[in-house]
Amino acid sequence: MDAVEAGETFRVTRNGIEVTEVRPISCGCKLSAQELVERHHQLTKIDYAAMSAEADEFFDGIEV
């Protein structure tokens, strides 16, 4: 628990398959509006047209 408290994350497995992870909970810190805007600007931009075309190509001919 000391390692988790220090920031480490541990994955728990059963028969070699990951089933959960133990990690620190978020600090519950409130971010200012300016901090949220700054984080938003750092996010990867999504090309929705390219993503849609890729999905169409991938799922072409697959009946749902």
N, C-alpha and C. Protein backbone atom coordinates (compact mmCIF):
# COMPACT_ATOMS: atom_id res chain seq x y z
N MET A 1 0.81 -1.18 0.00
CA MET A 1 0.00 0.00 0.00
C MET A 1 0.87 1.26 0.00
N ASP A 2 2.06 1.16 0.61
CA ASP A 2 2.96 2.32 0.60
C ASP A 2 3.33 2.69 -0.83
N ALA A 3 3.58 1.69 -1.66
CA ALA A 3 3.96 1.95 -3.05
C ALA A 3 2.80 2.58 -3.81
N VAL A 4 1.59 2.10 -3.57
CA VAL A 4 0.41 2.68 -4.23
C VAL A 4 0.24 4.13 -3.78
N GLU A 5 0.38 4.34 -2.49
CA GLU A 5 0.26 5.70 -1.96
C GLU A 5 1.31 6.63 -2.57
N ALA A 6 2.46 6.06 -2.93
CA ALA A 6 3.54 6.85 -3.53
C ALA A 6 3.32 7.06 -5.03
N GLY A 7 2.24 6.47 -5.59
CA GLY A 7 1.92 6.71 -6.99
C GLY A 7 2.02 5.52 -7.91
N GLU A 8 2.46 4.37 -7.40
CA GLU A 8 2.60 3.19 -8.27
C GLU A 8 1.26 2.52 -8.52
N THR A 9 1.16 1.88 -9.67
CA THR A 9 -0.03 1.12 -10.05
C THR A 9 0.37 -0.34 -10.19
N PHE A 10 -0.47 -1.23 -9.69
CA PHE A 10 -0.22 -2.67 -9.78
C PHE A 10 -1.37 -3.34 -10.49
N ARG A 11 -1.05 -4.27 -11.40
CA ARG A 11 -2.08 -5.04 -12.08
C ARG A 11 -2.17 -6.40 -11.40
N VAL A 12 -3.39 -6.82 -11.14
CA VAL A 12 -3.64 -8.09 -10.47
C VAL A 12 -4.11 -9.08 -11.53
N THR A 13 -3.51 -10.26 -11.52
CA THR A 13 -3.88 -11.27 -12.51
C THR A 13 -4.44 -12.52 -11.84
N ARG A 14 -5.21 -13.25 -12.62
CA ARG A 14 -5.71 -14.56 -12.20
C ARG A 14 -5.42 -15.49 -13.37
N ASN A 15 -4.64 -16.52 -13.11
CA ASN A 15 -4.25 -17.46 -14.17
C ASN A 15 -3.61 -16.74 -15.35
N GLY A 16 -2.84 -15.71 -15.06
CA GLY A 16 -2.12 -14.99 -16.10
C GLY A 16 -2.93 -13.95 -16.85
N ILE A 17 -4.17 -13.75 -16.46
CA ILE A 17 -5.04 -12.78 -17.13
C ILE A 17 -5.30 -11.62 -16.17
N GLU A 18 -5.05 -10.40 -16.67
CA GLU A 18 -5.28 -9.24 -15.83
C GLU A 18 -6.76 -9.10 -15.52
N VAL A 19 -7.07 -8.92 -14.23
CA VAL A 19 -8.47 -8.79 -13.83
C VAL A 19 -8.78 -7.44 -13.18
N THR A 20 -7.77 -6.78 -12.68
CA THR A 20 -7.99 -5.47 -12.07
C THR A 20 -6.66 -4.78 -11.87
N GLU A 21 -6.72 -3.54 -11.44
CA GLU A 21 -5.49 -2.86 -11.07
C GLU A 21 -5.72 -2.07 -9.79
N VAL A 22 -4.67 -1.96 -9.03
CA VAL A 22 -4.70 -1.20 -7.79
C VAL A 22 -3.85 0.04 -8.05
N ARG A 23 -4.47 1.20 -7.89
CA ARG A 23 -3.77 2.45 -8.16
C ARG A 23 -4.25 3.52 -7.20
N PRO A 24 -3.49 4.58 -7.09
CA PRO A 24 -3.90 5.65 -6.19
C PRO A 24 -5.20 6.28 -6.69
N ILE A 25 -6.04 6.67 -5.76
CA ILE A 25 -7.24 7.40 -6.17
C ILE A 25 -6.85 8.83 -6.49
N SER A 26 -7.66 9.47 -7.30
CA SER A 26 -7.34 10.84 -7.67
C SER A 26 -7.35 11.71 -6.41
N CYS A 27 -6.57 12.74 -6.47
CA CYS A 27 -6.42 13.59 -5.29
C CYS A 27 -7.68 14.38 -4.99
N GLY A 28 -8.62 14.40 -5.92
CA GLY A 28 -9.84 15.16 -5.69
C GLY A 28 -9.61 16.65 -5.82
N CYS A 29 -8.47 16.99 -6.42
CA CYS A 29 -8.14 18.40 -6.58
C CYS A 29 -9.09 19.04 -7.59
N LYS A 30 -9.54 20.21 -7.28
CA LYS A 30 -10.39 20.95 -8.20
C LYS A 30 -9.49 21.80 -9.09
N LEU A 31 -9.75 21.74 -10.38
CA LEU A 31 -8.98 22.53 -11.33
C LEU A 31 -9.74 23.81 -11.65
N SER A 32 -8.99 24.85 -11.88
CA SER A 32 -9.62 26.11 -12.27
C SER A 32 -10.07 26.00 -13.72
N ALA A 33 -10.93 26.92 -14.14
CA ALA A 33 -11.40 26.94 -15.52
C ALA A 33 -10.21 27.08 -16.47
N GLN A 34 -9.26 27.93 -16.12
CA GLN A 34 -8.09 28.14 -16.96
C GLN A 34 -7.28 26.84 -17.11
N GLU A 35 -7.12 26.09 -16.01
CA GLU A 35 -6.39 24.83 -16.06
C GLU A 35 -7.11 23.82 -16.95
N LEU A 36 -8.44 23.79 -16.86
CA LEU A 36 -9.22 22.89 -17.71
C LEU A 36 -9.07 23.25 -19.18
N VAL A 37 -9.11 24.54 -19.49
CA VAL A 37 -8.94 24.99 -20.88
C VAL A 37 -7.56 24.60 -21.39
N GLU A 38 -6.54 24.78 -20.57
CA GLU A 38 -5.18 24.43 -20.97
C GLU A 38 -5.06 22.93 -21.24
N ARG A 39 -5.67 22.12 -20.38
CA ARG A 39 -5.64 20.67 -20.61
C ARG A 39 -6.38 20.30 -21.88
N HIS A 40 -7.50 20.98 -22.14
CA HIS A 40 -8.28 20.71 -23.35
C HIS A 40 -7.45 20.98 -24.60
N HIS A 41 -6.69 22.06 -24.59
CA HIS A 41 -5.87 22.41 -25.75
C HIS A 41 -4.73 21.41 -25.98
N GLN A 42 -4.37 20.65 -24.96
CA GLN A 42 -3.29 19.66 -25.09
C GLN A 42 -3.78 18.32 -25.62
N LEU A 43 -5.09 18.13 -25.71
CA LEU A 43 -5.64 16.87 -26.20
C LEU A 43 -5.36 16.70 -27.69
N THR A 44 -5.23 15.46 -28.09
CA THR A 44 -5.01 15.15 -29.50
C THR A 44 -6.26 15.53 -30.29
N LYS A 45 -6.05 16.20 -31.41
CA LYS A 45 -7.16 16.59 -32.27
C LYS A 45 -7.67 15.37 -33.02
N ILE A 46 -8.97 15.25 -33.15
CA ILE A 46 -9.58 14.10 -33.81
C ILE A 46 -10.08 14.53 -35.19
N ASP A 47 -9.70 13.78 -36.19
CA ASP A 47 -10.17 14.01 -37.56
C ASP A 47 -11.38 13.10 -37.75
N TYR A 48 -12.57 13.65 -37.53
CA TYR A 48 -13.79 12.84 -37.55
C TYR A 48 -14.07 12.28 -38.94
N ALA A 49 -13.75 13.03 -39.99
CA ALA A 49 -13.99 12.54 -41.35
C ALA A 49 -13.10 11.32 -41.63
N ALA A 50 -11.84 11.39 -41.24
CA ALA A 50 -10.93 10.26 -41.43
C ALA A 50 -11.36 9.06 -40.59
N MET A 51 -11.80 9.32 -39.37
CA MET A 51 -12.23 8.24 -38.49
C MET A 51 -13.47 7.56 -39.08
N SER A 52 -14.40 8.34 -39.62
CA SER A 52 -15.61 7.79 -40.23
C SER A 52 -15.26 6.96 -41.46
N ALA A 53 -14.36 7.48 -42.29
CA ALA A 53 -13.95 6.75 -43.50
C ALA A 53 -13.28 5.44 -43.13
N GLU A 54 -12.45 5.48 -42.09
CA GLU A 54 -11.76 4.26 -41.65
C GLU A 54 -12.77 3.24 -41.13
N ALA A 55 -13.77 3.69 -40.39
CA ALA A 55 -14.79 2.78 -39.87
C ALA A 55 -15.61 2.19 -41.02
N ASP A 56 -15.96 3.04 -42.00
CA ASP A 56 -16.72 2.54 -43.16
C ASP A 56 -15.93 1.47 -43.88
N GLU A 57 -14.62 1.70 -44.07
CA GLU A 57 -13.78 0.73 -44.75
C GLU A 57 -13.68 -0.57 -43.95
N PHE A 58 -13.51 -0.44 -42.65
CA PHE A 58 -13.35 -1.61 -41.79
C PHE A 58 -14.63 -2.45 -41.75
N PHE A 59 -15.78 -1.77 -41.63
CA PHE A 59 -17.04 -2.48 -41.45
C PHE A 59 -17.78 -2.74 -42.76
N ASP A 60 -17.19 -2.40 -43.88
CA ASP A 60 -17.84 -2.59 -45.18
C ASP A 60 -18.18 -4.05 -45.37
N GLY A 61 -19.46 -4.30 -45.62
CA GLY A 61 -19.93 -5.66 -45.89
C GLY A 61 -20.30 -6.46 -44.66
N ILE A 62 -20.08 -5.91 -43.48
CA ILE A 62 -20.43 -6.62 -42.26
C ILE A 62 -21.89 -6.28 -41.90
N GLU A 63 -22.71 -7.31 -41.78
CA GLU A 63 -24.10 -7.09 -41.41
C GLU A 63 -24.23 -7.09 -39.90
N VAL A 64 -25.03 -6.19 -39.42
CA VAL A 64 -25.21 -6.08 -37.97
C VAL A 64 -26.51 -6.71 -37.56
